[in-house]
């Protein structure tokens, strides 16, 4: 605005000067040097005005650029703050999950240790119902002694069976489903042998017929295979197979 007024004033001054000059010397007697001098002054004023406006424009651009940079910086800082907050929440969630997984893994390991102990006892008790090999040699026993022996075998099996299933069921929450199914299958095969044992005694009228041991051998083989499968699965789960 200052330069606008300056140009207006200069033009008015020049007009007044020219008017006076023409009146004094006449239009046809004005010398070219005087006119050129006036033109140079007007050009100088114009040039200064243009340069001043150009400087103001560049300065305005600089201010705008600073404002843009400031806005970008604020946006970046806000994004960084949001990301940092999200990362903290993720770390917290991962920490909770890690703690839960650690506790569950510890409980699972304890459960498998206990189940393994009862599994071994169940295996021995199941094999002892109708023992193979040297234990099949007839002894000079009374019928009463035989019945007591068979009942003792069955009671040992029942005790081992119940302890094994109790350990499995109590730990079901912490056991992988596939392991739970493997343990349940072992229990089923053991139960089959116990059922065949009781059936053989009933059919033999308190005695174990010779042919019944073949079925016992088959049952024990199936159960042993199921136990091996469970052991391999556990070892693979812990990366030691």
Protein backbone atom coordinates (compact mmCIF):
# COMPACT_ATOMS: atom_id res chain seq x y z
CA UNK A 1 0.00 0.00 0.00
CA UNK A 2 2.86 2.39 0.78
CA UNK A 3 4.27 1.94 -2.69
CA UNK A 4 0.88 2.48 -4.29
CA UNK A 5 0.59 5.84 -2.61
CA UNK A 6 4.18 6.65 -3.56
CA UNK A 7 3.54 5.89 -7.23
CA UNK A 8 0.34 7.91 -7.18
CA UNK A 9 2.18 10.84 -5.58
CA UNK A 10 5.04 10.55 -8.05
CA UNK A 11 2.69 10.49 -10.99
CA UNK A 12 0.84 13.52 -9.65
CA UNK A 13 4.14 15.31 -9.08
CA UNK A 14 5.31 14.41 -12.55
CA UNK A 15 2.03 15.61 -14.01
CA UNK A 16 2.31 18.89 -12.17
CA UNK A 17 5.92 19.27 -13.26
CA UNK A 18 5.08 18.55 -16.88
CA UNK A 19 2.18 20.93 -16.81
CA UNK A 20 4.35 23.68 -15.42
CA UNK A 21 7.12 22.84 -17.84
CA UNK A 22 4.81 22.99 -20.83
CA UNK A 23 3.29 26.20 -19.69
CA UNK A 24 6.75 27.78 -19.24
CA UNK A 25 8.50 26.54 -22.34
CA UNK A 26 5.64 25.31 -24.49
CA UNK A 27 4.93 21.81 -25.68
CA UNK A 28 7.09 22.01 -28.78
CA UNK A 29 10.07 23.47 -26.85
CA UNK A 30 10.31 20.74 -24.13
CA UNK A 31 13.74 19.20 -24.38
CA UNK A 32 14.16 15.42 -24.66
CA UNK A 33 16.71 15.33 -21.81
CA UNK A 34 14.17 16.60 -19.29
CA UNK A 35 11.56 14.07 -20.43
CA UNK A 36 14.08 11.25 -20.24
CA UNK A 37 15.00 12.26 -16.69
CA UNK A 38 11.37 12.16 -15.65
CA UNK A 39 10.92 8.74 -17.28
CA UNK A 40 13.97 7.37 -15.48
CA UNK A 41 12.58 8.51 -12.13
CA UNK A 42 9.24 6.83 -12.87
CA UNK A 43 11.00 3.59 -13.90
CA UNK A 44 13.05 3.62 -10.71
CA UNK A 45 9.89 4.01 -8.62
CA UNK A 46 8.20 1.19 -10.57
CA UNK A 47 11.23 -1.08 -10.20
CA UNK A 48 11.41 -0.49 -6.45
CA UNK A 49 7.68 -1.25 -6.15
CA UNK A 50 8.02 -4.53 -8.06
CA UNK A 51 11.02 -5.63 -6.05
CA UNK A 52 9.28 -4.79 -2.79
CA UNK A 53 6.18 -6.79 -3.75
CA UNK A 54 8.33 -9.71 -4.93
CA UNK A 55 10.10 -9.73 -1.55
CA UNK A 56 6.76 -9.63 0.27
CA UNK A 57 5.48 -12.51 -1.85
CA UNK A 58 8.58 -14.63 -1.14
CA UNK A 59 8.35 -13.79 2.53
CA UNK A 60 4.71 -14.85 2.50
CA UNK A 61 5.70 -18.11 0.87
CA UNK A 62 8.33 -18.63 3.57
CA UNK A 63 5.77 -18.06 6.28
CA UNK A 64 3.37 -20.43 4.58
CA UNK A 65 6.12 -23.02 4.29
CA UNK A 66 6.93 -22.71 7.97
CA UNK A 67 3.26 -23.13 8.84
CA UNK A 68 3.04 -26.23 6.62
CA UNK A 69 6.17 -27.69 8.20
CA UNK A 70 4.76 -26.98 11.64
CA UNK A 71 1.49 -28.70 10.78
CA UNK A 72 3.33 -31.71 9.30
CA UNK A 73 5.54 -31.90 12.39
CA UNK A 74 2.51 -31.84 14.69
CA UNK A 75 0.83 -34.55 12.62
CA UNK A 76 3.93 -36.74 12.64
CA UNK A 77 4.32 -36.32 16.39
CA UNK A 78 0.66 -37.25 16.90
CA UNK A 79 1.08 -40.36 14.76
CA UNK A 80 4.25 -41.30 16.66
CA UNK A 81 2.39 -40.84 19.94
CA UNK A 82 -0.49 -43.03 18.73
CA UNK A 83 1.93 -45.71 17.52
CA UNK A 84 3.82 -45.64 20.81
CA UNK A 85 0.57 -46.04 22.72
CA UNK A 86 -0.50 -48.91 20.46
CA UNK A 87 2.86 -50.60 20.93
CA UNK A 88 2.55 -50.33 24.70
CA UNK A 89 -0.90 -51.91 24.57
CA UNK A 90 0.42 -54.69 22.32
CA UNK A 91 3.36 -55.29 24.66
CA UNK A 92 0.99 -55.42 27.62
CA UNK A 93 -1.30 -57.89 25.84
CA UNK A 94 1.63 -60.05 24.73
CA UNK A 95 3.00 -59.97 28.27
CA UNK A 96 -0.33 -61.19 29.64
CA UNK A 97 -0.54 -63.95 27.04
CA UNK A 98 3.07 -64.97 27.69
CA UNK A 99 2.35 -65.22 31.41
CA UNK A 100 -0.80 -67.27 30.80
CA UNK A 101 1.01 -69.58 28.38
CA UNK A 102 3.90 -70.01 30.81
CA UNK A 103 1.57 -70.90 33.67
CA UNK A 104 -0.45 -73.24 31.44
CA UNK A 105 2.73 -74.92 30.19
CA UNK A 106 3.95 -75.42 33.75
CA UNK A 107 0.59 -76.88 34.79
CA UNK A 108 0.56 -79.12 31.71
CA UNK A 109 4.05 -80.41 32.43
CA UNK A 110 3.15 -81.15 36.04
CA UNK A 111 -0.01 -82.95 34.89
CA UNK A 112 1.85 -85.07 32.36
CA UNK A 113 4.43 -86.01 34.97
CA UNK A 114 1.70 -87.22 37.30
CA UNK A 115 -0.23 -88.96 34.50
CA UNK A 116 2.96 -90.69 33.38
CA UNK A 117 3.47 -92.17 36.83
CA UNK A 118 -0.10 -93.48 37.02
CA UNK A 119 0.10 -94.69 33.42
CA UNK A 120 3.05 -96.92 34.27
CA UNK A 121 1.18 -98.37 37.25
CA UNK A 122 -1.90 -98.99 35.10
CA UNK A 123 0.20 -100.72 32.46
CA UNK A 124 1.73 -103.07 35.05
CA UNK A 125 -1.66 -103.79 36.62
CA UNK A 126 -3.25 -104.51 33.25
CA UNK A 127 -0.45 -106.84 32.23
CA UNK A 128 -0.76 -108.56 35.61
CA UNK A 129 -4.39 -109.60 35.09
CA UNK A 130 -3.44 -112.45 32.79
CA UNK A 131 0.36 -112.55 32.94
CA UNK A 132 2.28 -114.12 30.11
CA UNK A 133 5.37 -116.33 30.20
CA UNK A 134 6.70 -117.81 33.40
CA UNK A 135 3.91 -116.45 35.56
CA UNK A 136 1.47 -118.76 33.76
CA UNK A 137 3.07 -121.89 35.30
CA UNK A 138 0.40 -123.61 37.45
CA UNK A 139 1.01 -123.52 41.17
CA UNK A 140 -0.25 -125.86 43.84
CA UNK A 141 -3.02 -123.51 44.92
CA UNK A 142 -6.40 -124.20 46.33
CA UNK A 143 -9.44 -122.85 44.55
CA UNK A 144 -9.88 -120.33 47.30
CA UNK A 145 -6.30 -119.15 46.88
CA UNK A 146 -6.80 -118.81 43.14
CA UNK A 147 -9.92 -116.76 43.59
CA UNK A 148 -8.16 -114.51 46.06
CA UNK A 149 -5.27 -114.13 43.61
CA UNK A 150 -7.55 -113.20 40.73
CA UNK A 151 -9.51 -110.81 42.88
CA UNK A 152 -6.29 -109.21 44.09
CA UNK A 153 -5.17 -108.75 40.48
CA UNK A 154 -8.46 -107.16 39.56
CA UNK A 155 -8.42 -104.89 42.60
CA UNK A 156 -4.91 -103.75 41.71
CA UNK A 157 -6.04 -103.06 38.18
CA UNK A 158 -9.13 -101.15 39.35
CA UNK A 159 -7.00 -99.05 41.68
CA UNK A 160 -4.53 -98.23 38.91
CA UNK A 161 -7.33 -97.56 36.42
CA UNK A 162 -9.16 -95.15 38.73
CA UNK A 163 -5.95 -93.32 39.70
CA UNK A 164 -4.97 -92.92 36.06
CA UNK A 165 -8.37 -91.64 34.96
CA UNK A 166 -8.56 -89.33 37.98
CA UNK A 167 -5.19 -87.79 37.04
CA UNK A 168 -6.28 -87.37 33.42
CA UNK A 169 -9.68 -85.87 34.19
CA UNK A 170 -8.35 -83.46 36.82
CA UNK A 171 -5.82 -82.15 34.31
CA UNK A 172 -8.13 -82.10 31.29
CA UNK A 173 -8.25 -78.29 31.34
CA UNK A 174 -4.50 -78.08 30.79
CA UNK A 175 -4.07 -81.00 28.39
CA UNK A 176 -3.99 -80.67 24.59
CA UNK A 177 -7.08 -82.34 23.21
CA UNK A 178 -5.14 -84.86 21.14
CA UNK A 179 -3.24 -86.03 24.23
CA UNK A 180 -6.45 -86.33 26.19
CA UNK A 181 -7.87 -88.56 23.45
CA UNK A 182 -4.72 -90.71 23.46
CA UNK A 183 -4.98 -91.19 27.22
CA UNK A 184 -8.67 -92.00 26.93
CA UNK A 185 -7.86 -94.64 24.31
CA UNK A 186 -5.26 -96.20 26.63
CA UNK A 187 -7.87 -96.35 29.35
CA UNK A 188 -10.32 -98.00 26.94
CA UNK A 189 -7.85 -100.70 25.91
CA UNK A 190 -6.97 -101.40 29.55
CA UNK A 191 -10.65 -101.64 30.38
CA UNK A 192 -11.13 -104.11 27.52
CA UNK A 193 -8.48 -106.40 29.00
CA UNK A 194 -10.09 -106.18 32.45
CA UNK A 195 -13.49 -107.01 30.95
CA UNK A 196 -12.08 -109.98 29.04
CA UNK A 197 -10.37 -111.14 32.24
CA UNK A 198 -13.62 -111.11 34.19
CA UNK A 199 -15.46 -112.78 31.31
CA UNK A 200 -12.84 -115.55 31.06
CA UNK A 201 -13.15 -116.25 34.78
CA UNK A 202 -16.90 -116.44 34.50
CA UNK A 203 -16.80 -118.78 31.51
CA UNK A 204 -14.08 -120.89 33.13
CA UNK A 205 -16.02 -121.10 36.34
CA UNK A 206 -13.37 -119.30 38.32
CA UNK A 207 -10.47 -120.51 36.21
CA UNK A 208 -8.56 -118.97 33.30
CA UNK A 209 -8.83 -121.30 30.29
CA UNK A 210 -5.52 -121.73 28.38
CA UNK A 211 -6.93 -120.12 25.21
CA UNK A 212 -7.74 -116.89 27.03
CA UNK A 213 -4.09 -115.87 27.19
CA UNK A 214 -3.98 -115.36 23.43
CA UNK A 215 -6.63 -112.65 23.76
CA UNK A 216 -4.71 -111.15 26.67
CA UNK A 217 -1.55 -110.98 24.55
CA UNK A 218 -3.45 -109.17 21.80
CA UNK A 219 -5.01 -106.70 24.24
CA UNK A 220 -1.66 -105.93 25.89
CA UNK A 221 0.00 -105.42 22.50
CA UNK A 222 -2.68 -102.91 21.48
CA UNK A 223 -2.39 -101.08 24.77
CA UNK A 224 1.42 -100.96 24.58
CA UNK A 225 1.18 -99.52 21.07
CA UNK A 226 -1.21 -96.82 22.29
CA UNK A 227 1.15 -95.96 25.16
CA UNK A 228 4.10 -95.67 22.78
CA UNK A 229 2.06 -93.39 20.54
CA UNK A 230 1.23 -91.13 23.50
CA UNK A 231 4.86 -91.00 24.60
CA UNK A 232 6.07 -90.08 21.11
CA UNK A 233 3.41 -87.37 20.86
CA UNK A 234 4.47 -85.88 24.19
CA UNK A 235 8.15 -85.94 23.28
CA UNK A 236 7.42 -84.27 19.93
CA UNK A 237 5.36 -81.62 21.70
CA UNK A 238 8.36 -80.71 23.85
CA UNK A 239 10.82 -81.02 20.96
CA UNK A 240 12.76 -83.94 22.37
CA UNK A 241 11.82 -86.58 19.80
